All heavy atoms as atom14 arrays in JSON, in Angstrom:
{
  "sequence": "NLIKGSIVVYESTVYPGATEDICIPILERESGLKYG",
  "atom14_mask": [
    [1, 1, 1, 1, 1, 1, 1, 1, 0, 0, 0, 0, 0, 0],
    [1, 1, 1, 1, 1, 1, 1, 1, 0, 0, 0, 0, 0, 0],
    [1, 1, 1, 1, 1, 1, 1, 1, 0, 0, 0, 0, 0, 0],
    [1, 1, 1, 1, 1, 1, 1, 1, 1, 0, 0, 0, 0, 0],
    [1, 1, 1, 1, 0, 0, 0, 0, 0, 0, 0, 0, 0, 0],
    [1, 1, 1, 1, 1, 1, 0, 0, 0, 0, 0, 0, 0, 0],
    [1, 1, 1, 1, 1, 1, 1, 1, 0, 0, 0, 0, 0, 0],
    [1, 1, 1, 1, 1, 1, 1, 0, 0, 0, 0, 0, 0, 0],
    [1, 1, 1, 1, 1, 1, 1, 0, 0, 0, 0, 0, 0, 0],
    [1, 1, 1, 1, 1, 1, 1, 1, 1, 1, 1, 1, 0, 0],
    [1, 1, 1, 1, 1, 1, 1, 1, 1, 0, 0, 0, 0, 0],
    [1, 1, 1, 1, 1, 1, 0, 0, 0, 0, 0, 0, 0, 0],
    [1, 1, 1, 1, 1, 1, 1, 0, 0, 0, 0, 0, 0, 0],
    [1, 1, 1, 1, 1, 1, 1, 0, 0, 0, 0, 0, 0, 0],
    [1, 1, 1, 1, 1, 1, 1, 1, 1, 1, 1, 1, 0, 0],
    [1, 1, 1, 1, 1, 1, 1, 0, 0, 0, 0, 0, 0, 0],
    [1, 1, 1, 1, 0, 0, 0, 0, 0, 0, 0, 0, 0, 0],
    [1, 1, 1, 1, 1, 0, 0, 0, 0, 0, 0, 0, 0, 0],
    [1, 1, 1, 1, 1, 1, 1, 0, 0, 0, 0, 0, 0, 0],
    [1, 1, 1, 1, 1, 1, 1, 1, 1, 0, 0, 0, 0, 0],
    [1, 1, 1, 1, 1, 1, 1, 1, 0, 0, 0, 0, 0, 0],
    [1, 1, 1, 1, 1, 1, 1, 1, 0, 0, 0, 0, 0, 0],
    [1, 1, 1, 1, 1, 1, 0, 0, 0, 0, 0, 0, 0, 0],
    [1, 1, 1, 1, 1, 1, 1, 1, 0, 0, 0, 0, 0, 0],
    [1, 1, 1, 1, 1, 1, 1, 0, 0, 0, 0, 0, 0, 0],
    [1, 1, 1, 1, 1, 1, 1, 1, 0, 0, 0, 0, 0, 0],
    [1, 1, 1, 1, 1, 1, 1, 1, 0, 0, 0, 0, 0, 0],
    [1, 1, 1, 1, 1, 1, 1, 1, 1, 0, 0, 0, 0, 0],
    [1, 1, 1, 1, 1, 1, 1, 1, 1, 1, 1, 0, 0, 0],
    [1, 1, 1, 1, 1, 1, 1, 1, 1, 0, 0, 0, 0, 0],
    [1, 1, 1, 1, 1, 1, 0, 0, 0, 0, 0, 0, 0, 0],
    [1, 1, 1, 1, 0, 0, 0, 0, 0, 0, 0, 0, 0, 0],
    [1, 1, 1, 1, 1, 1, 1, 1, 0, 0, 0, 0, 0, 0],
    [1, 1, 1, 1, 1, 1, 1, 1, 1, 0, 0, 0, 0, 0],
    [1, 1, 1, 1, 1, 1, 1, 1, 1, 1, 1, 1, 0, 0],
    [1, 1, 1, 1, 0, 0, 0, 0, 0, 0, 0, 0, 0, 0]
  ],
  "atom14_positions": [
    [[13.31, 12.32, 80.58], [12.61, 13.46, 81.17], [11.14, 13.2, 81.36], [10.37, 14.16, 81.52], [12.86, 14.66, 80.28], [14.3, 15.06, 80.13], [14.88, 15.66, 81.03], [14.89, 14.64, 79.02], [0.0, 0.0, 0.0], [0.0, 0.0, 0.0], [0.0, 0.0, 0.0], [0.0, 0.0, 0.0], [0.0, 0.0, 0.0], [0.0, 0.0, 0.0]],
    [[10.74, 11.93, 81.34], [9.35, 11.55, 81.45], [8.93, 11.54, 82.9], [9.67, 11.03, 83.8], [9.13, 10.17, 80.8], [7.68, 9.78, 80.44], [7.1, 10.73, 79.43], [7.69, 8.34, 79.93], [0.0, 0.0, 0.0], [0.0, 0.0, 0.0], [0.0, 0.0, 0.0], [0.0, 0.0, 0.0], [0.0, 0.0, 0.0], [0.0, 0.0, 0.0]],
    [[7.75, 12.07, 83.18], [7.23, 12.06, 84.55], [5.89, 11.31, 84.54], [5.22, 11.11, 83.54], [7.03, 13.48, 85.11], [6.08, 14.29, 84.24], [8.36, 14.18, 85.22], [5.81, 15.72, 84.73], [0.0, 0.0, 0.0], [0.0, 0.0, 0.0], [0.0, 0.0, 0.0], [0.0, 0.0, 0.0], [0.0, 0.0, 0.0], [0.0, 0.0, 0.0]],
    [[5.47, 10.81, 85.75], [4.24, 10.07, 85.9], [3.03, 10.87, 85.36], [2.96, 12.08, 85.55], [4.0, 9.69, 87.31], [4.89, 8.54, 87.79], [4.5, 8.12, 89.21], [5.35, 6.92, 89.67], [4.92, 6.44, 91.04], [0.0, 0.0, 0.0], [0.0, 0.0, 0.0], [0.0, 0.0, 0.0], [0.0, 0.0, 0.0], [0.0, 0.0, 0.0]],
    [[2.09, 10.1, 84.75], [0.89, 10.76, 84.24], [1.0, 11.34, 82.85], [0.12, 12.01, 82.38], [0.0, 0.0, 0.0], [0.0, 0.0, 0.0], [0.0, 0.0, 0.0], [0.0, 0.0, 0.0], [0.0, 0.0, 0.0], [0.0, 0.0, 0.0], [0.0, 0.0, 0.0], [0.0, 0.0, 0.0], [0.0, 0.0, 0.0], [0.0, 0.0, 0.0]],
    [[2.11, 11.06, 82.19], [2.34, 11.62, 80.86], [1.8, 10.74, 79.73], [1.55, 9.56, 79.87], [3.86, 11.82, 80.6], [4.41, 12.77, 81.5], [0.0, 0.0, 0.0], [0.0, 0.0, 0.0], [0.0, 0.0, 0.0], [0.0, 0.0, 0.0], [0.0, 0.0, 0.0], [0.0, 0.0, 0.0], [0.0, 0.0, 0.0], [0.0, 0.0, 0.0]],
    [[1.61, 11.38, 78.6], [1.26, 10.71, 77.31], [2.31, 11.12, 76.28], [2.59, 12.28, 76.11], [-0.16, 11.11, 76.88], [-1.22, 10.57, 77.81], [-0.4, 10.55, 75.43], [-2.64, 10.93, 77.46], [0.0, 0.0, 0.0], [0.0, 0.0, 0.0], [0.0, 0.0, 0.0], [0.0, 0.0, 0.0], [0.0, 0.0, 0.0], [0.0, 0.0, 0.0]],
    [[2.8, 10.11, 75.56], [3.75, 10.35, 74.47], [3.06, 9.96, 73.19], [2.64, 8.78, 73.04], [5.06, 9.55, 74.68], [6.04, 9.89, 73.54], [5.69, 9.87, 76.06], [0.0, 0.0, 0.0], [0.0, 0.0, 0.0], [0.0, 0.0, 0.0], [0.0, 0.0, 0.0], [0.0, 0.0, 0.0], [0.0, 0.0, 0.0], [0.0, 0.0, 0.0]],
    [[3.0, 10.88, 72.21], [2.39, 10.57, 70.91], [3.46, 10.64, 69.86], [4.14, 11.65, 69.7], [1.27, 11.6, 70.61], [0.62, 11.21, 69.26], [0.23, 11.63, 71.68], [0.0, 0.0, 0.0], [0.0, 0.0, 0.0], [0.0, 0.0, 0.0], [0.0, 0.0, 0.0], [0.0, 0.0, 0.0], [0.0, 0.0, 0.0], [0.0, 0.0, 0.0]],
    [[3.59, 9.56, 69.11], [4.56, 9.52, 68.0], [3.88, 9.88, 66.7], [2.82, 9.35, 66.34], [5.2, 8.12, 67.88], [6.16, 7.87, 69.01], [5.73, 7.24, 70.18], [7.52, 8.16, 68.86], [6.61, 6.96, 71.24], [8.42, 7.9, 69.93], [7.96, 7.31, 71.1], [8.85, 7.05, 72.11], [0.0, 0.0, 0.0], [0.0, 0.0, 0.0]],
    [[4.47, 10.81, 65.95], [4.02, 11.16, 64.6], [4.97, 10.71, 63.53], [4.6, 10.64, 62.33], [3.79, 12.69, 64.49], [2.64, 13.22, 65.25], [1.97, 14.43, 64.64], [2.43, 14.83, 63.55], [1.04, 15.0, 65.23], [0.0, 0.0, 0.0], [0.0, 0.0, 0.0], [0.0, 0.0, 0.0], [0.0, 0.0, 0.0], [0.0, 0.0, 0.0]],
    [[6.17, 10.35, 63.9], [7.21, 9.89, 62.95], [6.76, 8.62, 62.25], [6.2, 7.71, 62.85], [8.54, 9.69, 63.66], [8.94, 10.84, 64.38], [0.0, 0.0, 0.0], [0.0, 0.0, 0.0], [0.0, 0.0, 0.0], [0.0, 0.0, 0.0], [0.0, 0.0, 0.0], [0.0, 0.0, 0.0], [0.0, 0.0, 0.0], [0.0, 0.0, 0.0]],
    [[7.02, 8.56, 60.96], [6.68, 7.37, 60.16], [7.54, 6.16, 60.65], [8.75, 6.23, 60.67], [6.93, 7.62, 58.69], [6.1, 8.67, 58.24], [6.59, 6.36, 57.88], [0.0, 0.0, 0.0], [0.0, 0.0, 0.0], [0.0, 0.0, 0.0], [0.0, 0.0, 0.0], [0.0, 0.0, 0.0], [0.0, 0.0, 0.0], [0.0, 0.0, 0.0]],
    [[6.84, 5.09, 60.94], [7.52, 3.84, 61.34], [6.74, 2.65, 60.72], [5.61, 2.85, 60.23], [7.55, 3.66, 62.87], [8.49, 4.69, 63.52], [6.18, 3.73, 63.5], [0.0, 0.0, 0.0], [0.0, 0.0, 0.0], [0.0, 0.0, 0.0], [0.0, 0.0, 0.0], [0.0, 0.0, 0.0], [0.0, 0.0, 0.0], [0.0, 0.0, 0.0]],
    [[7.35, 1.48, 60.7], [6.63, 0.32, 60.23], [5.66, -0.17, 61.34], [5.86, 0.1, 62.52], [7.55, -0.81, 59.85], [8.56, -1.26, 60.88], [8.17, -2.06, 61.93], [9.89, -0.87, 60.85], [9.09, -2.51, 62.88], [10.78, -1.27, 61.78], [10.38, -2.08, 62.8], [11.28, -2.49, 63.77], [0.0, 0.0, 0.0], [0.0, 0.0, 0.0]],
    [[4.58, -0.85, 60.98], [3.62, -1.34, 61.98], [4.3, -2.19, 63.05], [4.98, -3.18, 62.77], [2.63, -2.14, 61.14], [2.74, -1.61, 59.78], [4.16, -1.17, 59.61], [0.0, 0.0, 0.0], [0.0, 0.0, 0.0], [0.0, 0.0, 0.0], [0.0, 0.0, 0.0], [0.0, 0.0, 0.0], [0.0, 0.0, 0.0], [0.0, 0.0, 0.0]],
    [[4.09, -1.81, 64.31], [4.66, -2.49, 65.44], [5.84, -1.84, 66.07], [6.27, -2.18, 67.19], [0.0, 0.0, 0.0], [0.0, 0.0, 0.0], [0.0, 0.0, 0.0], [0.0, 0.0, 0.0], [0.0, 0.0, 0.0], [0.0, 0.0, 0.0], [0.0, 0.0, 0.0], [0.0, 0.0, 0.0], [0.0, 0.0, 0.0], [0.0, 0.0, 0.0]],
    [[6.43, -0.87, 65.37], [7.68, -0.21, 65.88], [7.45, 0.58, 67.16], [8.28, 0.55, 68.07], [8.25, 0.68, 64.8], [0.0, 0.0, 0.0], [0.0, 0.0, 0.0], [0.0, 0.0, 0.0], [0.0, 0.0, 0.0], [0.0, 0.0, 0.0], [0.0, 0.0, 0.0], [0.0, 0.0, 0.0], [0.0, 0.0, 0.0], [0.0, 0.0, 0.0]],
    [[6.31, 1.27, 67.25], [6.03, 2.06, 68.46], [6.01, 1.16, 69.71], [6.62, 1.49, 70.7], [4.7, 2.81, 68.33], [4.72, 3.67, 67.19], [4.4, 3.62, 69.57], [0.0, 0.0, 0.0], [0.0, 0.0, 0.0], [0.0, 0.0, 0.0], [0.0, 0.0, 0.0], [0.0, 0.0, 0.0], [0.0, 0.0, 0.0], [0.0, 0.0, 0.0]],
    [[5.3, 0.05, 69.59], [5.19, -0.82, 70.76], [6.4, -1.71, 71.01], [6.79, -2.0, 72.14], [3.94, -1.72, 70.58], [2.6, -0.92, 70.65], [1.44, -1.63, 70.05], [1.48, -1.93, 68.84], [0.44, -1.92, 70.77], [0.0, 0.0, 0.0], [0.0, 0.0, 0.0], [0.0, 0.0, 0.0], [0.0, 0.0, 0.0], [0.0, 0.0, 0.0]],
    [[7.05, -2.12, 69.89], [8.2, -3.05, 70.06], [9.53, -2.34, 70.32], [10.42, -2.91, 70.97], [8.38, -3.88, 68.77], [7.18, -4.8, 68.52], [6.37, -5.05, 69.47], [7.0, -5.25, 67.39], [0.0, 0.0, 0.0], [0.0, 0.0, 0.0], [0.0, 0.0, 0.0], [0.0, 0.0, 0.0], [0.0, 0.0, 0.0], [0.0, 0.0, 0.0]],
    [[9.67, -1.07, 69.84], [10.94, -0.4, 69.98], [10.85, 0.83, 70.9], [11.66, 0.96, 71.83], [11.48, 0.02, 68.6], [11.78, -1.23, 67.77], [12.74, 0.91, 68.72], [12.19, -0.95, 66.35], [0.0, 0.0, 0.0], [0.0, 0.0, 0.0], [0.0, 0.0, 0.0], [0.0, 0.0, 0.0], [0.0, 0.0, 0.0], [0.0, 0.0, 0.0]],
    [[9.9, 1.68, 70.63], [9.84, 2.97, 71.33], [9.42, 2.82, 72.82], [10.02, 3.44, 73.7], [8.86, 3.91, 70.62], [9.37, 4.3, 68.92], [0.0, 0.0, 0.0], [0.0, 0.0, 0.0], [0.0, 0.0, 0.0], [0.0, 0.0, 0.0], [0.0, 0.0, 0.0], [0.0, 0.0, 0.0], [0.0, 0.0, 0.0], [0.0, 0.0, 0.0]],
    [[8.39, 2.06, 73.06], [7.87, 1.96, 74.44], [8.91, 1.34, 75.38], [9.12, 1.85, 76.49], [6.56, 1.16, 74.46], [5.43, 2.04, 73.84], [6.16, 0.76, 75.9], [4.14, 1.36, 73.66], [0.0, 0.0, 0.0], [0.0, 0.0, 0.0], [0.0, 0.0, 0.0], [0.0, 0.0, 0.0], [0.0, 0.0, 0.0], [0.0, 0.0, 0.0]],
    [[9.59, 0.24, 75.0], [10.62, -0.31, 75.88], [11.7, 0.75, 76.19], [12.27, 0.75, 77.34], [11.19, -1.46, 75.09], [10.08, -1.93, 74.22], [9.37, -0.65, 73.82], [0.0, 0.0, 0.0], [0.0, 0.0, 0.0], [0.0, 0.0, 0.0], [0.0, 0.0, 0.0], [0.0, 0.0, 0.0], [0.0, 0.0, 0.0], [0.0, 0.0, 0.0]],
    [[12.05, 1.59, 75.23], [13.09, 2.65, 75.5], [12.56, 3.62, 76.5], [13.27, 4.02, 77.44], [13.45, 3.36, 74.18], [14.16, 2.42, 73.24], [14.32, 4.6, 74.47], [14.42, 3.01, 71.85], [0.0, 0.0, 0.0], [0.0, 0.0, 0.0], [0.0, 0.0, 0.0], [0.0, 0.0, 0.0], [0.0, 0.0, 0.0], [0.0, 0.0, 0.0]],
    [[11.29, 4.05, 76.33], [10.69, 4.99, 77.32], [10.71, 4.37, 78.73], [11.03, 5.06, 79.72], [9.26, 5.3, 76.93], [9.08, 6.13, 75.63], [7.58, 6.23, 75.28], [9.74, 7.51, 75.76], [0.0, 0.0, 0.0], [0.0, 0.0, 0.0], [0.0, 0.0, 0.0], [0.0, 0.0, 0.0], [0.0, 0.0, 0.0], [0.0, 0.0, 0.0]],
    [[10.36, 3.09, 78.87], [10.35, 2.42, 80.15], [11.76, 2.37, 80.72], [11.96, 2.67, 81.92], [9.78, 0.97, 80.0], [8.29, 0.97, 79.84], [7.74, -0.47, 79.94], [8.31, -1.37, 79.3], [6.77, -0.67, 80.64], [0.0, 0.0, 0.0], [0.0, 0.0, 0.0], [0.0, 0.0, 0.0], [0.0, 0.0, 0.0], [0.0, 0.0, 0.0]],
    [[12.75, 1.95, 79.94], [14.08, 1.81, 80.39], [14.69, 3.14, 80.86], [15.35, 3.2, 81.88], [14.96, 1.19, 79.29], [16.37, 0.88, 79.76], [17.16, 0.13, 78.67], [17.39, 0.96, 77.47], [16.8, 0.71, 76.32], [15.99, -0.32, 76.17], [17.06, 1.5, 75.28], [0.0, 0.0, 0.0], [0.0, 0.0, 0.0], [0.0, 0.0, 0.0]],
    [[14.51, 4.15, 80.07], [15.1, 5.46, 80.37], [14.42, 6.16, 81.53], [15.1, 6.91, 82.25], [15.07, 6.35, 79.1], [15.89, 5.88, 77.95], [17.38, 5.9, 78.17], [17.82, 6.77, 78.98], [18.11, 5.05, 77.62], [0.0, 0.0, 0.0], [0.0, 0.0, 0.0], [0.0, 0.0, 0.0], [0.0, 0.0, 0.0], [0.0, 0.0, 0.0]],
    [[13.14, 5.98, 81.69], [12.41, 6.68, 82.73], [12.28, 5.91, 84.05], [12.12, 6.52, 85.13], [10.97, 6.97, 82.21], [10.23, 5.79, 82.06], [0.0, 0.0, 0.0], [0.0, 0.0, 0.0], [0.0, 0.0, 0.0], [0.0, 0.0, 0.0], [0.0, 0.0, 0.0], [0.0, 0.0, 0.0], [0.0, 0.0, 0.0], [0.0, 0.0, 0.0]],
    [[12.39, 4.6, 83.93], [12.15, 3.77, 85.12], [10.66, 3.63, 85.47], [10.3, 3.15, 86.49], [0.0, 0.0, 0.0], [0.0, 0.0, 0.0], [0.0, 0.0, 0.0], [0.0, 0.0, 0.0], [0.0, 0.0, 0.0], [0.0, 0.0, 0.0], [0.0, 0.0, 0.0], [0.0, 0.0, 0.0], [0.0, 0.0, 0.0], [0.0, 0.0, 0.0]],
    [[9.8, 4.13, 84.55], [8.37, 4.1, 84.75], [7.75, 2.93, 83.99], [8.37, 2.33, 83.08], [7.72, 5.43, 84.28], [8.25, 6.7, 84.93], [7.61, 7.93, 84.3], [7.98, 6.67, 86.43], [0.0, 0.0, 0.0], [0.0, 0.0, 0.0], [0.0, 0.0, 0.0], [0.0, 0.0, 0.0], [0.0, 0.0, 0.0], [0.0, 0.0, 0.0]],
    [[6.51, 2.58, 84.36], [5.82, 1.45, 83.78], [4.78, 1.88, 82.78], [3.89, 2.68, 83.1], [5.18, 0.59, 84.88], [4.58, -0.75, 84.36], [5.72, -1.69, 83.91], [5.08, -3.05, 83.49], [6.13, -3.97, 82.95], [0.0, 0.0, 0.0], [0.0, 0.0, 0.0], [0.0, 0.0, 0.0], [0.0, 0.0, 0.0], [0.0, 0.0, 0.0]],
    [[4.91, 1.37, 81.53], [3.94, 1.68, 80.48], [2.57, 1.15, 80.86], [2.42, 0.05, 81.34], [4.39, 1.02, 79.18], [3.39, 1.03, 78.08], [2.88, 2.19, 77.53], [2.89, -0.18, 77.51], [2.0, 2.21, 76.51], [1.97, -0.19, 76.51], [1.51, 1.0, 76.0], [0.56, 0.97, 74.98], [0.0, 0.0, 0.0], [0.0, 0.0, 0.0]],
    [[1.58, 1.98, 80.63], [0.2, 1.61, 80.9], [-0.24, 1.96, 82.29], [-1.45, 2.01, 82.57], [0.0, 0.0, 0.0], [0.0, 0.0, 0.0], [0.0, 0.0, 0.0], [0.0, 0.0, 0.0], [0.0, 0.0, 0.0], [0.0, 0.0, 0.0], [0.0, 0.0, 0.0], [0.0, 0.0, 0.0], [0.0, 0.0, 0.0], [0.0, 0.0, 0.0]]
  ]
}
């Protein structure tokens, strides 16, 4: 449900690197949008 121009902020506890290594690729794959 992500649209262009959005910001996603994670508050859930994760180990260092999880946001970039796990979460961002999922957002890209599901949305078809490009991170950054």
